[in-house]
Every structure is written in structure tokens, then in C-alpha cells.
Amino acid sequence: MNEWKTVAKFGDPMLASISQGLLESNGIRAEIYGEVSSYPSFNVAEQNIELRVNAEDYESALSILAASDKAE
């Protein structure tokens, strides 16, 4: 079973989606967690949206996101 690790946190669901697309375009499967909230401003204040990748892809994902200034 794959272990998922949080590679970045966001308050804006669109930024999370863009980062997910960036990782997936580089061959890294990424999932978004915590995107749905009945209080959207809560996500922004708390950065509750997590972008997760398989543990084996974590370092590569960090490098890709760092290059685009989206790293955790």
C-alpha cells in the first residue's frame, strides 16, 4: 500500500489544482485533500488544502514545486 505525504498546503483551491497539474504533467500522481469546506474563507486563513503525493515521489515533487515557487 502506498503512503501519501503532504508536499504543500494551500488556502486557495485553484493554486492547489495548478500545482497538482504541474506534478502530474511531470509524471507524479498527486491528490488534493481538504478542498471542500462550507466556509471558503476558513481554507484561506488556515491553509487547510493539502497536496499529497506517494512517499516515493516526495523529494521529486518538492523539487518541482520549489522550481515554481509553490513549495511548502
PDB file of N, CA and C in Angstrom:
ATOM      1  N   MET A   1       0.838  -1.183   0.000  1.00  0.00           N
ATOM      2  CA  MET A   1       0.000   0.000   0.000  1.00  0.00           C
ATOM      3  C   MET A   1       0.883   1.247   0.000  1.00  0.00           C
ATOM      4  N   ASN A   2       0.492   2.252  -0.762  1.00  0.00           N
ATOM      5  CA  ASN A   2       1.269   3.482  -0.866  1.00  0.00           C
ATOM      6  C   ASN A   2       1.023   4.396   0.318  1.00  0.00           C
ATOM      7  N   GLU A   3       2.087   5.008   0.789  1.00  0.00           N
ATOM      8  CA  GLU A   3       1.991   6.014   1.837  1.00  0.00           C
ATOM      9  C   GLU A   3       1.957   7.381   1.159  1.00  0.00           C
ATOM     10  N   TRP A   4       0.997   8.220   1.547  1.00  0.00           N
ATOM     11  CA  TRP A   4       0.869   9.561   0.988  1.00  0.00           C
ATOM     12  C   TRP A   4       1.501  10.561   1.931  1.00  0.00           C
ATOM     13  N   LYS A   5       2.224  11.533   1.370  1.00  0.00           N
ATOM     14  CA  LYS A   5       2.853  12.586   2.159  1.00  0.00           C
ATOM     15  C   LYS A   5       2.393  13.940   1.631  1.00  0.00           C
ATOM     16  N   THR A   6       2.182  14.861   2.546  1.00  0.00           N
ATOM     17  CA  THR A   6       1.788  16.220   2.159  1.00  0.00           C
ATOM     18  C   THR A   6       3.020  16.955   1.663  1.00  0.00           C
ATOM     19  N   VAL A   7       2.928  17.424   0.418  1.00  0.00           N
ATOM     20  CA  VAL A   7       4.052  18.112  -0.202  1.00  0.00           C
ATOM     21  C   VAL A   7       3.848  19.631  -0.180  1.00  0.00           C
ATOM     22  N   ALA A   8       2.595  20.074  -0.034  1.00  0.00           N
ATOM     23  CA  ALA A   8       2.308  21.517   0.024  1.00  0.00           C
ATOM     24  C   ALA A   8       0.931  21.732   0.634  1.00  0.00           C
ATOM     25  N   LYS A   9       0.743  22.919   1.211  1.00  0.00           N
ATOM     26  CA  LYS A   9      -0.554  23.312   1.770  1.00  0.00           C
ATOM     27  C   LYS A   9      -0.970  24.629   1.144  1.00  0.00           C
ATOM     28  N   PHE A  10      -2.281  24.761   0.920  1.00  0.00           N
ATOM     29  CA  PHE A  10      -2.818  25.933   0.254  1.00  0.00           C
ATOM     30  C   PHE A  10      -4.081  26.424   0.946  1.00  0.00           C
ATOM     31  N   GLY A  11      -4.382  27.691   0.766  1.00  0.00           N
ATOM     32  CA  GLY A  11      -5.651  28.249   1.179  1.00  0.00           C
ATOM     33  C   GLY A  11      -6.567  28.437  -0.025  1.00  0.00           C
ATOM     34  N   ASP A  12      -5.988  28.430  -1.212  1.00  0.00           N
ATOM     35  CA  ASP A  12      -6.727  28.661  -2.452  1.00  0.00           C
ATOM     36  C   ASP A  12      -6.815  27.360  -3.252  1.00  0.00           C
ATOM     37  N   PRO A  13      -8.045  26.850  -3.467  1.00  0.00           N
ATOM     38  CA  PRO A  13      -8.185  25.593  -4.208  1.00  0.00           C
ATOM     39  C   PRO A  13      -7.629  25.655  -5.632  1.00  0.00           C
ATOM     40  N   MET A  14      -7.665  26.834  -6.246  1.00  0.00           N
ATOM     41  CA  MET A  14      -7.149  26.951  -7.614  1.00  0.00           C
ATOM     42  C   MET A  14      -5.627  26.752  -7.628  1.00  0.00           C
ATOM     43  N   LEU A  15      -4.931  27.321  -6.662  1.00  0.00           N
ATOM     44  CA  LEU A  15      -3.475  27.123  -6.596  1.00  0.00           C
ATOM     45  C   LEU A  15      -3.125  25.664  -6.345  1.00  0.00           C
ATOM     46  N   ALA A  16      -3.926  25.006  -5.522  1.00  0.00           N
ATOM     47  CA  ALA A  16      -3.712  23.575  -5.274  1.00  0.00           C
ATOM     48  C   ALA A  16      -3.882  22.789  -6.566  1.00  0.00           C
ATOM     49  N   SER A  17      -4.899  23.128  -7.334  1.00  0.00           N
ATOM     50  CA  SER A  17      -5.164  22.445  -8.607  1.00  0.00           C
ATOM     51  C   SER A  17      -4.053  22.678  -9.623  1.00  0.00           C
ATOM     52  N   ILE A  18      -3.564  23.903  -9.679  1.00  0.00           N
ATOM     53  CA  ILE A  18      -2.474  24.222 -10.602  1.00  0.00           C
ATOM     54  C   ILE A  18      -1.227  23.409 -10.239  1.00  0.00           C
ATOM     55  N   SER A  19      -0.930  23.337  -8.949  1.00  0.00           N
ATOM     56  CA  SER A  19       0.237  22.572  -8.506  1.00  0.00           C
ATOM     57  C   SER A  19       0.056  21.085  -8.762  1.00  0.00           C
ATOM     58  N   GLN A  20      -1.158  20.592  -8.575  1.00  0.00           N
ATOM     59  CA  GLN A  20      -1.448  19.197  -8.875  1.00  0.00           C
ATOM     60  C   GLN A  20      -1.190  18.914 -10.358  1.00  0.00           C
ATOM     61  N   GLY A  21      -1.664  19.788 -11.211  1.00  0.00           N
ATOM     62  CA  GLY A  21      -1.446  19.627 -12.654  1.00  0.00           C
ATOM     63  C   GLY A  21       0.028  19.659 -13.021  1.00  0.00           C
ATOM     64  N   LEU A  22       0.784  20.534 -12.361  1.00  0.00           N
ATOM     65  CA  LEU A  22       2.220  20.615 -12.604  1.00  0.00           C
ATOM     66  C   LEU A  22       2.906  19.299 -12.264  1.00  0.00           C
ATOM     67  N   LEU A  23       2.569  18.744 -11.109  1.00  0.00           N
ATOM     68  CA  LEU A  23       3.173  17.470 -10.712  1.00  0.00           C
ATOM     69  C   LEU A  23       2.767  16.353 -11.664  1.00  0.00           C
ATOM     70  N   GLU A  24       1.485  16.299 -11.998  1.00  0.00           N
ATOM     71  CA  GLU A  24       1.015  15.223 -12.873  1.00  0.00           C
ATOM     72  C   GLU A  24       1.604  15.329 -14.270  1.00  0.00           C
ATOM     73  N   SER A  25       1.860  16.552 -14.733  1.00  0.00           N
ATOM     74  CA  SER A  25       2.482  16.713 -16.054  1.00  0.00           C
ATOM     75  C   SER A  25       3.942  16.254 -16.034  1.00  0.00           C
ATOM     76  N   ASN A  26       4.489  16.105 -14.830  1.00  0.00           N
ATOM     77  CA  ASN A  26       5.849  15.592 -14.664  1.00  0.00           C
ATOM     78  C   ASN A  26       5.849  14.129 -14.222  1.00  0.00           C
ATOM     79  N   GLY A  27       4.706  13.462 -14.346  1.00  0.00           N
ATOM     80  CA  GLY A  27       4.625  12.032 -14.073  1.00  0.00           C
ATOM     81  C   GLY A  27       4.446  11.657 -12.619  1.00  0.00           C
ATOM     82  N   ILE A  28       4.071  12.621 -11.779  1.00  0.00           N
ATOM     83  CA  ILE A  28       3.883  12.343 -10.346  1.00  0.00           C
ATOM     84  C   ILE A  28       2.397  12.438 -10.019  1.00  0.00           C
ATOM     85  N   ARG A  29       1.845  11.341  -9.553  1.00  0.00           N
ATOM     86  CA  ARG A  29       0.434  11.329  -9.157  1.00  0.00           C
ATOM     87  C   ARG A  29       0.263  12.171  -7.899  1.00  0.00           C
ATOM     88  N   ALA A  30      -0.718  13.066  -7.912  1.00  0.00           N
ATOM     89  CA  ALA A  30      -0.956  13.950  -6.770  1.00  0.00           C
ATOM     90  C   ALA A  30      -2.450  14.003  -6.472  1.00  0.00           C
ATOM     91  N   GLU A  31      -2.787  14.098  -5.202  1.00  0.00           N
ATOM     92  CA  GLU A  31      -4.178  14.169  -4.755  1.00  0.00           C
ATOM     93  C   GLU A  31      -4.353  15.397  -3.874  1.00  0.00           C
ATOM     94  N   ILE A  32      -5.535  15.996  -3.970  1.00  0.00           N
ATOM     95  CA  ILE A  32      -5.878  17.157  -3.157  1.00  0.00           C
ATOM     96  C   ILE A  32      -6.818  16.705  -2.051  1.00  0.00           C
ATOM     97  N   TYR A  33      -6.510  17.109  -0.818  1.00  0.00           N
ATOM     98  CA  TYR A  33      -7.338  16.776   0.345  1.00  0.00           C
ATOM     99  C   TYR A  33      -7.762  18.057   1.047  1.00  0.00           C
ATOM    100  N   GLY A  34      -9.002  18.072   1.548  1.00  0.00           N
ATOM    101  CA  GLY A  34      -9.490  19.196   2.331  1.00  0.00           C
ATOM    102  C   GLY A  34      -9.996  20.358   1.517  1.00  0.00           C
ATOM    103  N   GLU A  35     -10.280  20.124   0.240  1.00  0.00           N
ATOM    104  CA  GLU A  35     -10.699  21.212  -0.638  1.00  0.00           C
ATOM    105  C   GLU A  35     -12.113  21.693  -0.336  1.00  0.00           C
ATOM    106  N   VAL A  36     -12.974  20.805   0.114  1.00  0.00           N
ATOM    107  CA  VAL A  36     -14.377  21.151   0.314  1.00  0.00           C
ATOM    108  C   VAL A  36     -14.586  21.665   1.735  1.00  0.00           C
ATOM    109  N   SER A  37     -15.108  22.865   1.827  1.00  0.00           N
ATOM    110  CA  SER A  37     -15.449  23.453   3.123  1.00  0.00           C
ATOM    111  C   SER A  37     -16.674  24.328   2.939  1.00  0.00           C
ATOM    112  N   SER A  38     -17.560  24.307   3.901  1.00  0.00           N
ATOM    113  CA  SER A  38     -18.735  25.165   3.807  1.00  0.00           C
ATOM    114  C   SER A  38     -18.386  26.615   4.140  1.00  0.00           C
ATOM    115  N   TYR A  39     -17.153  26.827   4.593  1.00  0.00           N
ATOM    116  CA  TYR A  39     -16.655  28.172   4.894  1.00  0.00           C
ATOM    117  C   TYR A  39     -15.370  28.412   4.110  1.00  0.00           C
ATOM    118  N   PRO A  40     -15.492  28.860   2.839  1.00  0.00           N
ATOM    119  CA  PRO A  40     -14.299  29.015   1.991  1.00  0.00           C
ATOM    120  C   PRO A  40     -13.223  29.905   2.602  1.00  0.00           C
ATOM    121  N   SER A  41     -13.611  30.932   3.354  1.00  0.00           N
ATOM    122  CA  SER A  41     -12.603  31.815   3.945  1.00  0.00           C
ATOM    123  C   SER A  41     -11.775  31.084   5.001  1.00  0.00           C
ATOM    124  N   PHE A  42     -12.319  30.027   5.574  1.00  0.00           N
ATOM    125  CA  PHE A  42     -11.585  29.228   6.551  1.00  0.00           C
ATOM    126  C   PHE A  42     -10.382  28.569   5.898  1.00  0.00           C
ATOM    127  N   ASN A  43     -10.552  28.064   4.678  1.00  0.00           N
ATOM    128  CA  ASN A  43      -9.441  27.446   3.954  1.00  0.00           C
ATOM    129  C   ASN A  43      -8.310  28.440   3.738  1.00  0.00           C
ATOM    130  N   VAL A  44      -8.654  29.665   3.351  1.00  0.00           N
ATOM    131  CA  VAL A  44      -7.644  30.678   3.068  1.00  0.00           C
ATOM    132  C   VAL A  44      -6.869  31.011   4.335  1.00  0.00           C
ATOM    133  N   ALA A  45      -7.576  31.206   5.434  1.00  0.00           N
ATOM    134  CA  ALA A  45      -6.929  31.590   6.689  1.00  0.00           C
ATOM    135  C   ALA A  45      -6.070  30.466   7.259  1.00  0.00           C
ATOM    136  N   GLU A  46      -6.529  29.246   7.139  1.00  0.00           N
ATOM    137  CA  GLU A  46      -5.860  28.114   7.776  1.00  0.00           C
ATOM    138  C   GLU A  46      -4.991  27.280   6.835  1.00  0.00           C
ATOM    139  N   GLN A  47      -5.067  27.532   5.557  1.00  0.00           N
ATOM    140  CA  GLN A  47      -4.372  26.720   4.553  1.00  0.00           C
ATOM    141  C   GLN A  47      -4.655  25.241   4.782  1.00  0.00           C
ATOM    142  N   ASN A  48      -5.936  24.906   4.764  1.00  0.00           N
ATOM    143  CA  ASN A  48      -6.390  23.536   5.032  1.00  0.00           C
ATOM    144  C   ASN A  48      -6.327  22.606   3.837  1.00  0.00           C
ATOM    145  N   ILE A  49      -6.021  23.099   2.677  1.00  0.00           N
ATOM    146  CA  ILE A  49      -5.993  22.257   1.482  1.00  0.00           C
ATOM    147  C   ILE A  49      -4.588  21.680   1.331  1.00  0.00           C
ATOM    148  N   GLU A  50      -4.511  20.354   1.310  1.00  0.00           N
ATOM    149  CA  GLU A  50      -3.214  19.678   1.220  1.00  0.00           C
ATOM    150  C   GLU A  50      -3.050  19.000  -0.132  1.00  0.00           C
ATOM    151  N   LEU A  51      -1.867  19.117  -0.673  1.00  0.00           N
ATOM    152  CA  LEU A  51      -1.494  18.405  -1.891  1.00  0.00           C
ATOM    153  C   LEU A  51      -0.585  17.270  -1.459  1.00  0.00           C
ATOM    154  N   ARG A  52      -0.996  16.043  -1.744  1.00  0.00           N
ATOM    155  CA  ARG A  52      -0.247  14.866  -1.294  1.00  0.00           C
ATOM    156  C   ARG A  52       0.239  14.050  -2.483  1.00  0.00           C
ATOM    157  N   VAL A  53       1.384  13.421  -2.269  1.00  0.00           N
ATOM    158  CA  VAL A  53       1.981  12.541  -3.280  1.00  0.00           C
ATOM    159  C   VAL A  53       2.422  11.257  -2.592  1.00  0.00           C
ATOM    160  N   ASN A  54       2.693  10.233  -3.380  1.00  0.00           N
ATOM    161  CA  ASN A  54       3.257   8.996  -2.833  1.00  0.00           C
ATOM    162  C   ASN A  54       4.595   9.315  -2.194  1.00  0.00           C
ATOM    163  N   ALA A  55       4.882   8.663  -1.090  1.00  0.00           N
ATOM    164  CA  ALA A  55       6.125   8.920  -0.359  1.00  0.00           C
ATOM    165  C   ALA A  55       7.355   8.780  -1.258  1.00  0.00           C
ATOM    166  N   GLU A  56       7.324   7.824  -2.182  1.00  0.00           N
ATOM    167  CA  GLU A  56       8.475   7.606  -3.068  1.00  0.00           C
ATOM    168  C   GLU A  56       8.698   8.771  -4.031  1.00  0.00           C
ATOM    169  N   ASP A  57       7.668   9.590  -4.271  1.00  0.00           N
ATOM    170  CA  ASP A  57       7.776  10.740  -5.178  1.00  0.00           C
ATOM    171  C   ASP A  57       7.978  12.060  -4.438  1.00  0.00           C
ATOM    172  N   TYR A  58       8.038  12.004  -3.110  1.00  0.00           N
ATOM    173  CA  TYR A  58       8.039  13.227  -2.296  1.00  0.00           C
ATOM    174  C   TYR A  58       9.183  14.186  -2.654  1.00  0.00           C
ATOM    175  N   GLU A  59      10.398  13.696  -2.698  1.00  0.00           N
ATOM    176  CA  GLU A  59      11.552  14.571  -2.969  1.00  0.00           C
ATOM    177  C   GLU A  59      11.477  15.187  -4.364  1.00  0.00           C
ATOM    178  N   SER A  60      11.093  14.381  -5.349  1.00  0.00           N
ATOM    179  CA  SER A  60      10.954  14.903  -6.710  1.00  0.00           C
ATOM    180  C   SER A  60       9.871  15.970  -6.774  1.00  0.00           C
ATOM    181  N   ALA A  61       8.761  15.715  -6.080  1.00  0.00           N
ATOM    182  CA  ALA A  61       7.655  16.675  -6.064  1.00  0.00           C
ATOM    183  C   ALA A  61       8.084  17.987  -5.423  1.00  0.00           C
ATOM    184  N   LEU A  62       8.826  17.900  -4.320  1.00  0.00           N
ATOM    185  CA  LEU A  62       9.329  19.117  -3.672  1.00  0.00           C
ATOM    186  C   LEU A  62      10.201  19.922  -4.624  1.00  0.00           C
ATOM    187  N   SER A  63      11.061  19.245  -5.356  1.00  0.00           N
ATOM    188  CA  SER A  63      11.953  19.933  -6.306  1.00  0.00           C
ATOM    189  C   SER A  63      11.165  20.631  -7.401  1.00  0.00           C
ATOM    190  N   ILE A  64      10.168  19.954  -7.931  1.00  0.00           N
ATOM    191  CA  ILE A  64       9.349  20.531  -8.997  1.00  0.00           C
ATOM    192  C   ILE A  64       8.587  21.744  -8.485  1.00  0.00           C
ATOM    193  N   LEU A  65       7.978  21.619  -7.312  1.00  0.00           N
ATOM    194  CA  LEU A  65       7.210  22.731  -6.761  1.00  0.00           C
ATOM    195  C   LEU A  65       8.117  23.893  -6.359  1.00  0.00           C
ATOM    196  N   ALA A  66       9.288  23.584  -5.834  1.00  0.00           N
ATOM    197  CA  ALA A  66      10.221  24.645  -5.454  1.00  0.00           C
ATOM    198  C   ALA A  66      10.638  25.462  -6.675  1.00  0.00           C
ATOM    199  N   ALA A  67      10.794  24.775  -7.785  1.00  0.00           N
ATOM    200  CA  ALA A  67      11.182  25.462  -9.018  1.00  0.00           C
ATOM    201  C   ALA A  67      10.076  26.406  -9.489  1.00  0.00           C
ATOM    202  N   SER A  68       8.847  26.157  -9.064  1.00  0.00           N
ATOM    203  CA  SER A  68       7.743  27.023  -9.475  1.00  0.00           C
ATOM    204  C   SER A  68       7.249  27.893  -8.309  1.00  0.00           C
ATOM    205  N   ASP A  69       8.043  27.953  -7.230  1.00  0.00           N
ATOM    206  CA  ASP A  69       7.713  28.766  -6.053  1.00  0.00           C
ATOM    207  C   ASP A  69       6.401  28.378  -5.391  1.00  0.00           C
ATOM    208  N   LYS A  70       6.086  27.084  -5.378  1.00  0.00           N
ATOM    209  CA  LYS A  70       4.866  26.608  -4.739  1.00  0.00           C
ATOM    210  C   LYS A  70       5.158  25.646  -3.590  1.00  0.00           C
ATOM    211  N   ALA A  71       6.401  25.531  -3.192  1.00  0.00           N
ATOM    212  CA  ALA A  71       6.776  24.537  -2.190  1.00  0.00           C
ATOM    213  C   ALA A  71       6.273  24.904  -0.802  1.00  0.00           C
ATOM    214  N   GLU A  72       6.080  23.849  -0.016  1.00  0.00           N
ATOM    215  CA  GLU A  72       5.633  24.011   1.375  1.00  0.00           C
ATOM    216  C   GLU A  72       6.698  24.695   2.199  1.00  0.00           C
TER     217      GLU A  72
END
